C-alpha atoms as a PDB file:
ATOM      1  CA  MET A   1     -90.514-131.876 -33.054  1.00  0.00           C
ATOM      2  CA  ASN A   2     -91.963-129.936 -36.154  1.00  0.00           C
ATOM      3  CA  LEU A   3     -90.386-126.004 -36.202  1.00  0.00           C
ATOM      4  CA  LEU A   4     -90.494-122.944 -38.197  1.00  0.00           C
ATOM      5  CA  THR A   5     -87.922-120.267 -37.798  1.00  0.00           C
ATOM      6  CA  LEU A   6     -89.192-116.242 -38.611  1.00  0.00           C
ATOM      7  CA  GLY A   7     -86.156-114.603 -40.473  1.00  0.00           C
ATOM      8  CA  GLY A   8     -83.788-115.888 -42.899  1.00  0.00           C
ATOM      9  CA  GLY A   9     -81.379-113.619 -41.661  1.00  0.00           C
ATOM     10  CA  THR A  10     -77.511-114.786 -40.577  1.00  0.00           C
ATOM     11  CA  TRP A  11     -78.853-115.513 -36.955  1.00  0.00           C
ATOM     12  CA  GLY A  12     -81.993-117.568 -38.202  1.00  0.00           C
ATOM     13  CA  ILE A  13     -80.449-119.581 -40.594  1.00  0.00           C
ATOM     14  CA  THR A  14     -78.409-120.673 -38.466  1.00  0.00           C
ATOM     15  CA  LEU A  15     -80.502-121.044 -35.410  1.00  0.00           C
ATOM     16  CA  ALA A  16     -82.751-123.500 -38.309  1.00  0.00           C
ATOM     17  CA  CYS A  17     -79.341-125.338 -39.288  1.00  0.00           C
ATOM     18  CA  LEU A  18     -78.738-126.325 -35.339  1.00  0.00           C
ATOM     19  CA  LEU A  19     -81.961-127.570 -35.072  1.00  0.00           C
ATOM     20  CA  GLY A  20     -81.919-129.073 -38.203  1.00  0.00           C
ATOM     21  CA  LYS A  21     -78.809-131.068 -36.201  1.00  0.00           C
ATOM     22  CA  ASN A  22     -80.341-131.839 -33.598  1.00  0.00           C
ATOM     23  CA  GLY A  23     -82.612-134.056 -35.339  1.00  0.00           C
ATOM     24  CA  HIS A  24     -85.631-131.416 -35.725  1.00  0.00           C
ATOM     25  CA  ALA A  25     -87.742-130.660 -38.512  1.00  0.00           C
ATOM     26  CA  VAL A  26     -87.482-127.533 -39.824  1.00  0.00           C
ATOM     27  CA  ARG A  27     -88.935-124.714 -41.632  1.00  0.00           C
ATOM     28  CA  VAL A  28     -87.648-121.034 -42.584  1.00  0.00           C
ATOM     29  CA  TRP A  29     -89.846-118.307 -43.401  1.00  0.00           C
ATOM     30  CA  GLU A  30     -88.599-115.565 -44.835  1.00  0.00           C
ATOM     31  CA  PHE A  31     -90.355-111.899 -45.236  1.00  0.00           C
ATOM     32  CA  ASP A  32     -88.561-110.835 -48.073  1.00  0.00           C
ATOM     33  CA  PRO A  33     -89.205-113.563 -51.104  1.00  0.00           C
ATOM     34  CA  ASP A  34     -85.698-112.209 -52.953  1.00  0.00           C
ATOM     35  CA  VAL A  35     -83.713-113.667 -49.747  1.00  0.00           C
ATOM     36  CA  ALA A  36     -85.842-116.811 -49.499  1.00  0.00           C
ATOM     37  CA  GLY A  37     -84.668-117.252 -53.102  1.00  0.00           C
ATOM     38  CA  TYR A  38     -81.153-117.065 -52.211  1.00  0.00           C
ATOM     39  CA  LEU A  39     -81.137-119.564 -49.792  1.00  0.00           C
ATOM     40  CA  LEU A  40     -82.822-121.909 -51.693  1.00  0.00           C
ATOM     41  CA  HIS A  41     -81.022-121.746 -54.167  1.00  0.00           C
ATOM     42  CA  HIS A  42     -77.562-121.558 -52.807  1.00  0.00           C
ATOM     43  CA  ARG A  43     -78.253-123.176 -49.735  1.00  0.00           C
ATOM     44  CA  GLY A  44     -76.126-120.451 -48.019  1.00  0.00           C
ATOM     45  CA  HIS A  45     -75.861-117.047 -46.852  1.00  0.00           C
ATOM     46  CA  PRO A  46     -73.786-114.477 -48.455  1.00  0.00           C
ATOM     47  CA  LYS A  47     -72.748-113.175 -45.135  1.00  0.00           C
ATOM     48  CA  LEU A  48     -72.108-116.797 -43.699  1.00  0.00           C
ATOM     49  CA  PRO A  49     -69.396-118.407 -45.337  1.00  0.00           C
ATOM     50  CA  GLY A  50     -68.937-122.059 -45.278  1.00  0.00           C
ATOM     51  CA  LEU A  51     -72.789-122.933 -43.983  1.00  0.00           C
ATOM     52  CA  GLU A  52     -74.385-125.363 -45.532  1.00  0.00           C
ATOM     53  CA  VAL A  53     -78.245-125.693 -45.081  1.00  0.00           C
ATOM     54  CA  PRO A  54     -79.065-128.812 -45.255  1.00  0.00           C
ATOM     55  CA  PRO A  55     -81.368-130.162 -48.431  1.00  0.00           C
ATOM     56  CA  ASP A  56     -84.350-131.330 -45.967  1.00  0.00           C
ATOM     57  CA  ILE A  57     -84.779-127.891 -44.054  1.00  0.00           C
ATOM     58  CA  VAL A  58     -87.932-126.323 -45.959  1.00  0.00           C
ATOM     59  CA  ILE A  59     -87.479-122.182 -47.077  1.00  0.00           C
ATOM     60  CA  THR A  60     -90.446-120.219 -47.864  1.00  0.00           C
ATOM     61  CA  SER A  61     -91.531-116.686 -48.182  1.00  0.00           C
ATOM     62  CA  ASP A  62     -95.517-117.578 -47.917  1.00  0.00           C
ATOM     63  CA  LEU A  63     -96.049-117.435 -44.383  1.00  0.00           C
ATOM     64  CA  ALA A  64     -99.559-119.260 -44.319  1.00  0.00           C
ATOM     65  CA  GLN A  65     -97.483-122.597 -46.031  1.00  0.00           C
ATOM     66  CA  ALA A  66     -95.098-122.130 -43.347  1.00  0.00           C
ATOM     67  CA  LEU A  67     -97.333-122.388 -40.379  1.00  0.00           C
ATOM     68  CA  ASP A  68     -99.093-125.247 -42.209  1.00  0.00           C
ATOM     69  CA  ALA A  69     -96.716-127.159 -44.056  1.00  0.00           C
ATOM     70  CA  GLN A  70     -99.658-130.279 -45.865  1.00  0.00           C
ATOM     71  CA  GLY A  71    -101.229-130.294 -42.368  1.00  0.00           C
ATOM     72  CA  HIS A  72     -98.401-130.539 -39.987  1.00  0.00           C
ATOM     73  CA  PRO A  73     -98.221-127.183 -38.357  1.00  0.00           C
ATOM     74  CA  PRO A  74     -95.039-126.501 -36.232  1.00  0.00           C
ATOM     75  CA  GLU A  75     -94.738-127.537 -32.487  1.00  0.00           C
ATOM     76  CA  ALA A  76     -92.733-124.766 -31.536  1.00  0.00           C
ATOM     77  CA  ILE A  77     -91.624-121.419 -33.324  1.00  0.00           C
ATOM     78  CA  VAL A  78     -88.375-119.854 -33.354  1.00  0.00           C
ATOM     79  CA  CYS A  79     -88.723-115.560 -33.757  1.00  0.00           C
ATOM     80  CA  ALA A  80     -85.396-114.137 -35.290  1.00  0.00           C
ATOM     81  CA  VAL A  81     -86.635-111.438 -36.920  1.00  0.00           C
ATOM     82  CA  PRO A  82     -85.184-107.740 -36.754  1.00  0.00           C
ATOM     83  CA  ALA A  83     -86.941-106.589 -33.495  1.00  0.00           C
ATOM     84  CA  ALA A  84     -88.475-103.663 -35.140  1.00  0.00           C
ATOM     85  CA  HIS A  85     -90.411-106.559 -37.212  1.00  0.00           C
ATOM     86  CA  VAL A  86     -91.714-108.321 -33.855  1.00  0.00           C
ATOM     87  CA  ARG A  87     -94.685-106.721 -33.759  1.00  0.00           C
ATOM     88  CA  ILE A  88     -95.624-106.922 -37.295  1.00  0.00           C
ATOM     89  CA  THR A  89     -94.873-110.462 -37.461  1.00  0.00           C
ATOM     90  CA  CYS A  90     -96.935-112.193 -34.381  1.00  0.00           C
ATOM     91  CA  ARG A  91    -100.170-109.636 -35.618  1.00  0.00           C
ATOM     92  CA  ASN A  92     -99.283-111.787 -39.307  1.00  0.00           C
ATOM     93  CA  LEU A  93     -98.802-115.025 -37.390  1.00  0.00           C
ATOM     94  CA  ALA A  94    -101.977-114.763 -35.126  1.00  0.00           C
ATOM     95  CA  LYS A  95    -103.811-114.529 -38.179  1.00  0.00           C
ATOM     96  CA  GLN A  96    -102.765-116.833 -39.854  1.00  0.00           C
ATOM     97  CA  GLY A  97    -103.366-119.321 -37.176  1.00  0.00           C
ATOM     98  CA  TYR A  98    -101.158-119.057 -34.321  1.00  0.00           C
ATOM     99  CA  ALA A  99    -102.306-122.009 -32.557  1.00  0.00           C
ATOM    100  CA  GLY A 100    -100.462-121.831 -28.834  1.00  0.00           C
ATOM    101  CA  GLN A 101     -97.469-123.180 -29.696  1.00  0.00           C
ATOM    102  CA  LEU A 102     -93.934-122.155 -27.708  1.00  0.00           C
ATOM    103  CA  PHE A 103     -92.660-119.448 -28.889  1.00  0.00           C
ATOM    104  CA  VAL A 104     -89.121-118.467 -28.492  1.00  0.00           C
ATOM    105  CA  ILE A 105     -87.978-115.415 -29.024  1.00  0.00           C
ATOM    106  CA  ALA A 106     -84.132-114.798 -30.240  1.00  0.00           C
ATOM    107  CA  SER A 107     -84.532-112.178 -31.552  1.00  0.00           C
ATOM    108  CA  LYS A 108     -82.595-108.722 -29.582  1.00  0.00           C
ATOM    109  CA  GLY A 109     -83.750-105.219 -29.133  1.00  0.00           C
ATOM    110  CA  ILE A 110     -86.545-102.501 -27.117  1.00  0.00           C
ATOM    111  CA  GLU A 111     -88.919-101.738 -29.384  1.00  0.00           C
ATOM    112  CA  GLN A 112     -89.126 -97.714 -30.338  1.00  0.00           C
ATOM    113  CA  GLU A 113     -92.501 -96.444 -30.276  1.00  0.00           C
ATOM    114  CA  THR A 114     -93.409 -97.756 -26.928  1.00  0.00           C
ATOM    115  CA  HIS A 115     -90.047 -98.847 -25.552  1.00  0.00           C
ATOM    116  CA  ALA A 116     -91.448-102.271 -24.459  1.00  0.00           C
ATOM    117  CA  LEU A 117     -89.465-105.517 -24.562  1.00  0.00           C
ATOM    118  CA  LEU A 118     -90.032-107.990 -27.019  1.00  0.00           C
ATOM    119  CA  HIS A 119     -91.896-110.846 -24.784  1.00  0.00           C
ATOM    120  CA  ASP A 120     -94.392-108.158 -24.023  1.00  0.00           C
ATOM    121  CA  VAL A 121     -94.912-107.139 -27.875  1.00  0.00           C
ATOM    122  CA  ALA A 122     -95.150-111.161 -28.398  1.00  0.00           C
ATOM    123  CA  GLY A 123     -97.743-111.550 -26.094  1.00  0.00           C
ATOM    124  CA  GLN A 124     -99.447-108.576 -27.163  1.00  0.00           C
ATOM    125  CA  GLU A 125    -100.024-109.737 -30.830  1.00  0.00           C
ATOM    126  CA  LEU A 126    -100.235-113.554 -30.032  1.00  0.00           C
ATOM    127  CA  GLY A 127    -103.141-112.943 -27.826  1.00  0.00           C
ATOM    128  CA  PRO A 128    -104.160-115.300 -24.507  1.00  0.00           C
ATOM    129  CA  ALA A 129    -102.610-118.405 -26.474  1.00  0.00           C
ATOM    130  CA  SER A 130     -99.383-117.507 -25.786  1.00  0.00           C
ATOM    131  CA  THR A 131     -99.854-117.053 -22.201  1.00  0.00           C
ATOM    132  CA  GLY A 132     -96.608-118.751 -20.643  1.00  0.00           C
ATOM    133  CA  LYS A 133     -95.948-120.182 -23.445  1.00  0.00           C
ATOM    134  CA  ILE A 134     -92.828-116.953 -24.754  1.00  0.00           C
ATOM    135  CA  GLY A 135     -89.561-117.405 -23.908  1.00  0.00           C
ATOM    136  CA  VAL A 136     -86.197-116.307 -24.906  1.00  0.00           C
ATOM    137  CA  LEU A 137     -82.996-117.367 -25.907  1.00  0.00           C
ATOM    138  CA  SER A 138     -79.891-114.782 -25.467  1.00  0.00           C
ATOM    139  CA  GLY A 139     -76.025-114.384 -24.509  1.00  0.00           C
ATOM    140  CA  PRO A 140     -72.686-114.181 -26.712  1.00  0.00           C
ATOM    141  CA  SER A 141     -73.529-115.494 -29.806  1.00  0.00           C
ATOM    142  CA  HIS A 142     -72.311-114.192 -33.327  1.00  0.00           C
ATOM    143  CA  ALA A 143     -74.284-115.935 -35.668  1.00  0.00           C
ATOM    144  CA  GLU A 144     -70.375-116.009 -38.055  1.00  0.00           C
ATOM    145  CA  GLU A 145     -69.321-118.632 -34.975  1.00  0.00           C
ATOM    146  CA  VAL A 146     -72.264-120.505 -34.223  1.00  0.00           C
ATOM    147  CA  SER A 147     -72.590-121.572 -37.553  1.00  0.00           C
ATOM    148  CA  ARG A 148     -69.259-122.778 -38.023  1.00  0.00           C
ATOM    149  CA  ASN A 149     -69.244-124.588 -34.815  1.00  0.00           C
ATOM    150  CA  ILE A 150     -67.524-122.956 -32.410  1.00  0.00           C
ATOM    151  CA  PRO A 151     -68.266-124.140 -28.648  1.00  0.00           C
ATOM    152  CA  THR A 152     -70.906-121.192 -27.434  1.00  0.00           C
ATOM    153  CA  ALA A 153     -73.299-120.533 -23.736  1.00  0.00           C
ATOM    154  CA  VAL A 154     -76.524-118.930 -24.182  1.00  0.00           C
ATOM    155  CA  THR A 155     -79.317-118.698 -21.496  1.00  0.00           C
ATOM    156  CA  ALA A 156     -82.910-119.858 -21.946  1.00  0.00           C
ATOM    157  CA  THR A 157     -85.153-117.901 -20.048  1.00  0.00           C
ATOM    158  CA  ALA A 158     -89.086-117.873 -19.238  1.00  0.00           C
ATOM    159  CA  THR A 159     -91.171-117.209 -16.882  1.00  0.00           C
ATOM    160  CA  GLU A 160     -91.389-120.755 -15.588  1.00  0.00           C
ATOM    161  CA  MET A 161     -88.422-122.833 -15.588  1.00  0.00           C
ATOM    162  CA  ALA A 162     -89.857-125.490 -17.225  1.00  0.00           C
ATOM    163  CA  VAL A 163     -90.210-123.879 -20.521  1.00  0.00           C
ATOM    164  CA  ALA A 164     -87.196-122.678 -20.231  1.00  0.00           C
ATOM    165  CA  GLU A 165     -85.885-126.052 -19.764  1.00  0.00           C
ATOM    166  CA  GLN A 166     -87.786-126.646 -22.796  1.00  0.00           C
ATOM    167  CA  ILE A 167     -85.973-124.615 -25.111  1.00  0.00           C
ATOM    168  CA  ARG A 168     -82.812-125.996 -23.525  1.00  0.00           C
ATOM    169  CA  ASP A 169     -83.588-129.481 -24.754  1.00  0.00           C
ATOM    170  CA  LEU A 170     -84.672-127.914 -28.180  1.00  0.00           C
ATOM    171  CA  PHE A 171     -81.066-125.966 -29.246  1.00  0.00           C
ATOM    172  CA  MET A 172     -78.990-127.697 -26.170  1.00  0.00           C
ATOM    173  CA  ALA A 173     -75.702-129.951 -28.692  1.00  0.00           C
ATOM    174  CA  PRO A 174     -72.207-130.657 -28.391  1.00  0.00           C
ATOM    175  CA  ARG A 175     -71.070-127.251 -29.094  1.00  0.00           C
ATOM    176  CA  PHE A 176     -74.184-125.146 -27.771  1.00  0.00           C
ATOM    177  CA  ARG A 177     -74.647-125.148 -24.609  1.00  0.00           C
ATOM    178  CA  VAL A 178     -77.920-123.480 -23.005  1.00  0.00           C
ATOM    179  CA  TYR A 179     -78.427-122.888 -19.461  1.00  0.00           C
ATOM    180  CA  THR A 180     -81.818-121.835 -17.986  1.00  0.00           C
ATOM    181  CA  GLN A 181     -83.572-118.996 -16.013  1.00  0.00           C
ATOM    182  CA  THR A 182     -86.863-117.258 -15.363  1.00  0.00           C
ATOM    183  CA  ASP A 183     -85.615-113.303 -15.068  1.00  0.00           C
ATOM    184  CA  LEU A 184     -87.762-112.470 -18.812  1.00  0.00           C
ATOM    185  CA  VAL A 185     -87.481-108.704 -18.114  1.00  0.00           C
ATOM    186  CA  GLY A 186     -83.588-108.682 -17.320  1.00  0.00           C
ATOM    187  CA  VAL A 187     -82.467-110.843 -20.304  1.00  0.00           C
ATOM    188  CA  GLU A 188     -83.846-109.214 -22.971  1.00  0.00           C
ATOM    189  CA  LEU A 189     -82.964-105.239 -21.166  1.00  0.00           C
ATOM    190  CA  ALA A 190     -79.810-106.624 -21.527  1.00  0.00           C
ATOM    191  CA  ALA A 191     -79.760-107.913 -24.812  1.00  0.00           C
ATOM    192  CA  GLY A 192     -81.276-104.504 -26.234  1.00  0.00           C
ATOM    193  CA  LEU A 193     -78.900-101.992 -24.043  1.00  0.00           C
ATOM    194  CA  LYS A 194     -75.922-103.450 -24.699  1.00  0.00           C
ATOM    195  CA  ASN A 195     -76.013-103.161 -28.221  1.00  0.00           C
ATOM    196  CA  VAL A 196     -75.828 -99.064 -27.368  1.00  0.00           C
ATOM    197  CA  ILE A 197     -73.083 -99.535 -25.506  1.00  0.00           C
ATOM    198  CA  ALA A 198     -71.296-101.416 -28.432  1.00  0.00           C
ATOM    199  CA  ILE A 199     -71.936 -98.379 -30.360  1.00  0.00           C
ATOM    200  CA  ALA A 200     -69.990 -96.282 -28.096  1.00  0.00           C
ATOM    201  CA  CYS A 201     -67.124 -98.757 -28.258  1.00  0.00           C
ATOM    202  CA  GLY A 202     -66.970 -98.596 -31.703  1.00  0.00           C
ATOM    203  CA  ILE A 203     -66.709 -95.219 -31.793  1.00  0.00           C
ATOM    204  CA  SER A 204     -64.044 -95.359 -29.186  1.00  0.00           C
ATOM    205  CA  ASP A 205     -61.818 -96.889 -31.776  1.00  0.00           C
ATOM    206  CA  GLY A 206     -63.008 -95.222 -34.610  1.00  0.00           C
ATOM    207  CA  LEU A 207     -61.575 -92.541 -32.844  1.00  0.00           C
ATOM    208  CA  GLY A 208     -58.318 -94.435 -32.839  1.00  0.00           C
ATOM    209  CA  PHE A 209     -58.738 -94.696 -28.077  1.00  0.00           C
ATOM    210  CA  GLY A 210     -57.287 -97.641 -26.507  1.00  0.00           C
ATOM    211  CA  ASP A 211     -58.114-100.632 -24.185  1.00  0.00           C
ATOM    212  CA  ASN A 212     -58.268 -98.443 -20.945  1.00  0.00           C
ATOM    213  CA  SER A 213     -61.110 -96.524 -22.982  1.00  0.00           C
ATOM    214  CA  LYS A 214     -63.215 -99.480 -24.331  1.00  0.00           C
ATOM    215  CA  ALA A 215     -62.733-101.450 -20.585  1.00  0.00           C
ATOM    216  CA  GLY A 216     -64.173 -98.059 -19.013  1.00  0.00           C
ATOM    217  CA  LEU A 217     -67.071 -98.188 -21.184  1.00  0.00           C
ATOM    218  CA  ILE A 218     -68.223-101.485 -21.050  1.00  0.00           C
ATOM    219  CA  THR A 219     -68.108-101.242 -17.134  1.00  0.00           C
ATOM    220  CA  ARG A 220     -69.626 -98.097 -16.919  1.00  0.00           C
ATOM    221  CA  GLY A 221     -72.143 -99.405 -19.345  1.00  0.00           C
ATOM    222  CA  LEU A 222     -72.599-101.922 -17.188  1.00  0.00           C
ATOM    223  CA  SER A 223     -73.717-100.355 -14.340  1.00  0.00           C
ATOM    224  CA  GLU A 224     -75.736 -97.956 -16.489  1.00  0.00           C
ATOM    225  CA  ILE A 225     -77.754-101.410 -17.892  1.00  0.00           C
ATOM    226  CA  VAL A 226     -77.827-102.362 -14.114  1.00  0.00           C
ATOM    227  CA  ARG A 227     -79.279 -99.451 -12.411  1.00  0.00           C
ATOM    228  CA  LEU A 228     -81.764 -99.427 -15.296  1.00  0.00           C
ATOM    229  CA  GLY A 229     -82.725-103.429 -14.849  1.00  0.00           C
ATOM    230  CA  LEU A 230     -83.314-102.873 -11.224  1.00  0.00           C
ATOM    231  CA  LYS A 231     -85.735-100.133 -11.635  1.00  0.00           C
ATOM    232  CA  VAL A 232     -87.593-101.904 -13.857  1.00  0.00           C
ATOM    233  CA  GLY A 233     -88.031-104.915 -11.921  1.00  0.00           C
ATOM    234  CA  ALA A 234     -84.903-106.991 -12.989  1.00  0.00           C
ATOM    235  CA  ARG A 235     -82.779-108.835 -11.165  1.00  0.00           C
ATOM    236  CA  PRO A 236     -79.249-108.208 -10.432  1.00  0.00           C
ATOM    237  CA  GLU A 237     -77.687-111.160 -11.135  1.00  0.00           C
ATOM    238  CA  THR A 238     -78.793-111.322 -14.512  1.00  0.00           C
ATOM    239  CA  PHE A 239     -76.692-108.758 -15.104  1.00  0.00           C
ATOM    240  CA  TYR A 240     -73.623-110.379 -14.220  1.00  0.00           C
ATOM    241  CA  GLY A 241     -74.904-114.371 -16.512  1.00  0.00           C
ATOM    242  CA  LEU A 242     -74.228-114.511 -20.062  1.00  0.00           C
ATOM    243  CA  ALA A 243     -77.527-112.461 -20.761  1.00  0.00           C
ATOM    244  CA  GLY A 244     -75.422-109.561 -19.303  1.00  0.00           C
ATOM    245  CA  ILE A 245     -72.205-109.414 -19.122  1.00  0.00           C
ATOM    246  CA  GLY A 246     -71.407-112.019 -21.554  1.00  0.00           C
ATOM    247  CA  ASP A 247     -73.444-110.829 -24.503  1.00  0.00           C
ATOM    248  CA  LEU A 248     -71.939-107.085 -23.575  1.00  0.00           C
ATOM    249  CA  VAL A 249     -68.237-108.073 -23.728  1.00  0.00           C
ATOM    250  CA  VAL A 250     -68.801-110.205 -26.760  1.00  0.00           C
ATOM    251  CA  THR A 251     -71.197-107.081 -28.612  1.00  0.00           C
ATOM    252  CA  CYS A 252     -68.481-104.718 -27.663  1.00  0.00           C
ATOM    253  CA  THR A 253     -64.841-106.650 -28.758  1.00  0.00           C
ATOM    254  CA  SER A 254     -66.006-108.597 -31.496  1.00  0.00           C
ATOM    255  CA  ARG A 255     -65.287-107.832 -35.501  1.00  0.00           C
ATOM    256  CA  HIS A 256     -68.293-109.677 -36.061  1.00  0.00           C
ATOM    257  CA  SER A 257     -70.701-107.070 -33.784  1.00  0.00           C
ATOM    258  CA  ARG A 258     -72.605-105.257 -36.294  1.00  0.00           C
ATOM    259  CA  ASN A 259     -73.241-102.443 -33.455  1.00  0.00           C
ATOM    260  CA  ARG A 260     -69.382-102.062 -32.754  1.00  0.00           C
ATOM    261  CA  ASN A 261     -68.536-101.681 -36.608  1.00  0.00           C
ATOM    262  CA  PHE A 262     -71.308 -99.032 -36.834  1.00  0.00           C
ATOM    263  CA  GLY A 263     -69.780 -96.861 -34.054  1.00  0.00           C
ATOM    264  CA  GLU A 264     -66.496 -97.656 -35.434  1.00  0.00           C
ATOM    265  CA  HIS A 265     -67.510 -95.705 -38.832  1.00  0.00           C
ATOM    266  CA  ILE A 266     -69.195 -92.970 -36.574  1.00  0.00           C
ATOM    267  CA  GLY A 267     -66.292 -92.507 -34.858  1.00  0.00           C
ATOM    268  CA  LYS A 268     -64.062 -92.375 -38.486  1.00  0.00           C
ATOM    269  CA  GLY A 269     -66.259 -89.593 -39.934  1.00  0.00           C
ATOM    270  CA  LEU A 270     -68.985 -91.209 -41.281  1.00  0.00           C
ATOM    271  CA  GLY A 271     -72.738 -90.059 -40.870  1.00  0.00           C
ATOM    272  CA  ALA A 272     -75.140 -92.239 -39.532  1.00  0.00           C
ATOM    273  CA  ASP A 273     -76.817 -93.409 -42.453  1.00  0.00           C
ATOM    274  CA  GLU A 274     -73.752 -93.854 -43.970  1.00  0.00           C
ATOM    275  CA  ALA A 275     -72.417 -95.974 -41.313  1.00  0.00           C
ATOM    276  CA  LEU A 276     -76.132 -97.885 -41.857  1.00  0.00           C
ATOM    277  CA  LYS A 277     -75.099 -98.480 -45.293  1.00  0.00           C
ATOM    278  CA  ALA A 278     -71.542 -99.800 -44.763  1.00  0.00           C
ATOM    279  CA  VAL A 279     -72.650-102.049 -42.215  1.00  0.00           C
ATOM    280  CA  GLY A 280     -75.140-103.286 -44.321  1.00  0.00           C
ATOM    281  CA  GLN A 281     -77.180-105.219 -42.236  1.00  0.00           C
ATOM    282  CA  VAL A 282     -79.560-104.302 -39.214  1.00  0.00           C
ATOM    283  CA  VAL A 283     -78.109-102.418 -36.482  1.00  0.00           C
ATOM    284  CA  GLU A 284     -80.493-103.217 -33.429  1.00  0.00           C
ATOM    285  CA  GLY A 285     -78.890-100.126 -31.479  1.00  0.00           C
ATOM    286  CA  TYR A 286     -79.150 -97.445 -33.497  1.00  0.00           C
ATOM    287  CA  TYR A 287     -82.742 -98.368 -33.046  1.00  0.00           C
ATOM    288  CA  THR A 288     -82.620 -98.806 -29.225  1.00  0.00           C
ATOM    289  CA  ALA A 289     -80.700 -95.951 -28.566  1.00  0.00           C
ATOM    290  CA  ARG A 290     -83.685 -93.712 -28.637  1.00  0.00           C
ATOM    291  CA  ALA A 291     -85.722 -95.492 -26.729  1.00  0.00           C
ATOM    292  CA  ALA A 292     -83.018 -96.613 -23.855  1.00  0.00           C
ATOM    293  CA  VAL A 293     -82.718 -93.083 -23.040  1.00  0.00           C
ATOM    294  CA  SER A 294     -86.466 -92.677 -22.867  1.00  0.00           C
ATOM    295  CA  LEU A 295     -86.725 -95.534 -20.371  1.00  0.00           C
ATOM    296  CA  ALA A 296     -84.037 -93.552 -18.419  1.00  0.00           C
ATOM    297  CA  ARG A 297     -85.965 -90.385 -18.300  1.00  0.00           C
ATOM    298  CA  GLU A 298     -88.974 -92.294 -17.110  1.00  0.00           C
ATOM    299  CA  HIS A 299     -87.836 -94.079 -14.506  1.00  0.00           C
ATOM    300  CA  GLN A 300     -85.156 -91.213 -13.640  1.00  0.00           C
ATOM    301  CA  VAL A 301     -81.992 -92.839 -13.992  1.00  0.00           C
ATOM    302  CA  GLU A 302     -78.434 -91.378 -14.686  1.00  0.00           C
ATOM    303  CA  MET A 303     -77.307 -93.312 -18.366  1.00  0.00           C
ATOM    304  CA  PRO A 304     -74.673 -90.647 -19.426  1.00  0.00           C
ATOM    305  CA  ILE A 305     -73.182 -92.946 -22.416  1.00  0.00           C
ATOM    306  CA  CYS A 306     -75.913 -93.460 -24.011  1.00  0.00           C
ATOM    307  CA  GLU A 307     -77.592 -90.179 -23.940  1.00  0.00           C
ATOM    308  CA  GLY A 308     -74.211 -89.442 -25.486  1.00  0.00           C
ATOM    309  CA  VAL A 309     -74.590 -92.132 -28.133  1.00  0.00           C
ATOM    310  CA  ALA A 310     -78.288 -90.642 -28.750  1.00  0.00           C
ATOM    311  CA  SER A 311     -76.863 -87.610 -29.070  1.00  0.00           C
ATOM    312  CA  VAL A 312     -74.015 -88.267 -31.737  1.00  0.00           C
ATOM    313  CA  LEU A 313     -76.577 -89.837 -33.417  1.00  0.00           C
ATOM    314  CA  PHE A 314     -79.846 -88.076 -33.712  1.00  0.00           C
ATOM    315  CA  LYS A 315     -78.636 -84.828 -32.905  1.00  0.00           C
ATOM    316  CA  GLY A 316     -75.590 -84.116 -34.538  1.00  0.00           C
ATOM    317  CA  LEU A 317     -73.217 -83.866 -31.402  1.00  0.00           C
ATOM    318  CA  LYS A 318     -69.321 -84.290 -32.130  1.00  0.00           C
ATOM    319  CA  PRO A 319     -67.913 -88.021 -31.145  1.00  0.00           C
ATOM    320  CA  LEU A 320     -65.360 -85.784 -29.789  1.00  0.00           C
ATOM    321  CA  GLU A 321     -67.628 -83.610 -27.602  1.00  0.00           C
ATOM    322  CA  ALA A 322     -69.547 -86.803 -26.402  1.00  0.00           C
ATOM    323  CA  VAL A 323     -65.984 -88.122 -24.407  1.00  0.00           C
ATOM    324  CA  SER A 324     -65.826 -84.768 -23.219  1.00  0.00           C
ATOM    325  CA  ALA A 325     -68.868 -84.874 -21.910  1.00  0.00           C
ATOM    326  CA  LEU A 326     -68.749 -87.976 -20.309  1.00  0.00           C
ATOM    327  CA  MET A 327     -65.145 -87.542 -18.938  1.00  0.00           C
ATOM    328  CA  MET A 328     -65.661 -84.567 -17.340  1.00  0.00           C
ATOM    329  CA  ARG A 329     -68.830 -84.849 -15.243  1.00  0.00           C
ATOM    330  CA  GLU A 330     -68.939 -84.309 -11.773  1.00  0.00           C
ATOM    331  CA  PRO A 331     -66.642 -86.534  -9.664  1.00  0.00           C
ATOM    332  CA  LYS A 332     -68.298 -89.599  -8.193  1.00  0.00           C
ATOM    333  CA  SER A 333     -67.572 -92.665  -6.024  1.00  0.00           C
ATOM    334  CA  GLU A 334     -67.484 -95.419  -8.578  1.00  0.00           C
ATOM    335  CA  VAL A 335     -70.126 -97.273  -6.279  1.00  0.00           C
ATOM    336  CA  MET A 336     -73.817 -96.150  -5.671  1.00  0.00           C
ATOM    337  CA  GLY A 337     -75.873 -97.010  -2.610  1.00  0.00           C
END
């Protein structure tokens, strides 16, 4: 198939290479001409040592050219831009002539201003032509490992199983296993909120705490995600699958996790702006934390870990004060009805 990948960051270029190896004709659109130029000149990404971008993968910063390469429009589009840029990217795509192709969201996050999930954002901007054509690829999948052909398992999700299976068939490879399901809301909510919990785990690491602390944060963080998920119509089993506990564990524990690394800098005493600069890449959890708290209040769901992270990042609460507030909450039963 002729495919277009939107975004030339670590994840976008990794997926483009994976799709190329699967035999597809792949074009990559990258908004930043400097980044596109680097990818073209070096046929690699500075954050992914060892990745070699095949010479037949076309790279451009011209969206019109990417959509109509010599009269051959893409048959499917993969969106891997940062979550904050999904709306404007889809809006520009619609203006350039989006024609109802399969649209796969590989970005993870929740829109700050509207608290909308990304499949809803894409649908609003791409219009009626996208109805039934939008899906999501999610799960524990650091680009640093997928780009090195390390075995990885993810899930492809769409409202219709046939669409999820189309996505599966695009990406399935000997070391990239793709499962399918149909809970778009649950998958996207889990993908966004796990980044906030990962920041909490990073703060714990930065404070010098241990495995006990991190295990508690992961487990209770999952409880927060499930509580909110059930309120907004997600299916509970989603949170115990690859897009839920799978992605949560890897993001909270991995040295590759931007969100965990960002939190560690915070725990060691850096301010949020300094920590963002130290990571040097988009930290989705930083932008999702406020949306998570707003959603929790809107649906009257207790999410004390997310609240604590947001208070540290945006209200000046000291990390140790956030720890005390969490540990000294009133006693509760672990299993709530």
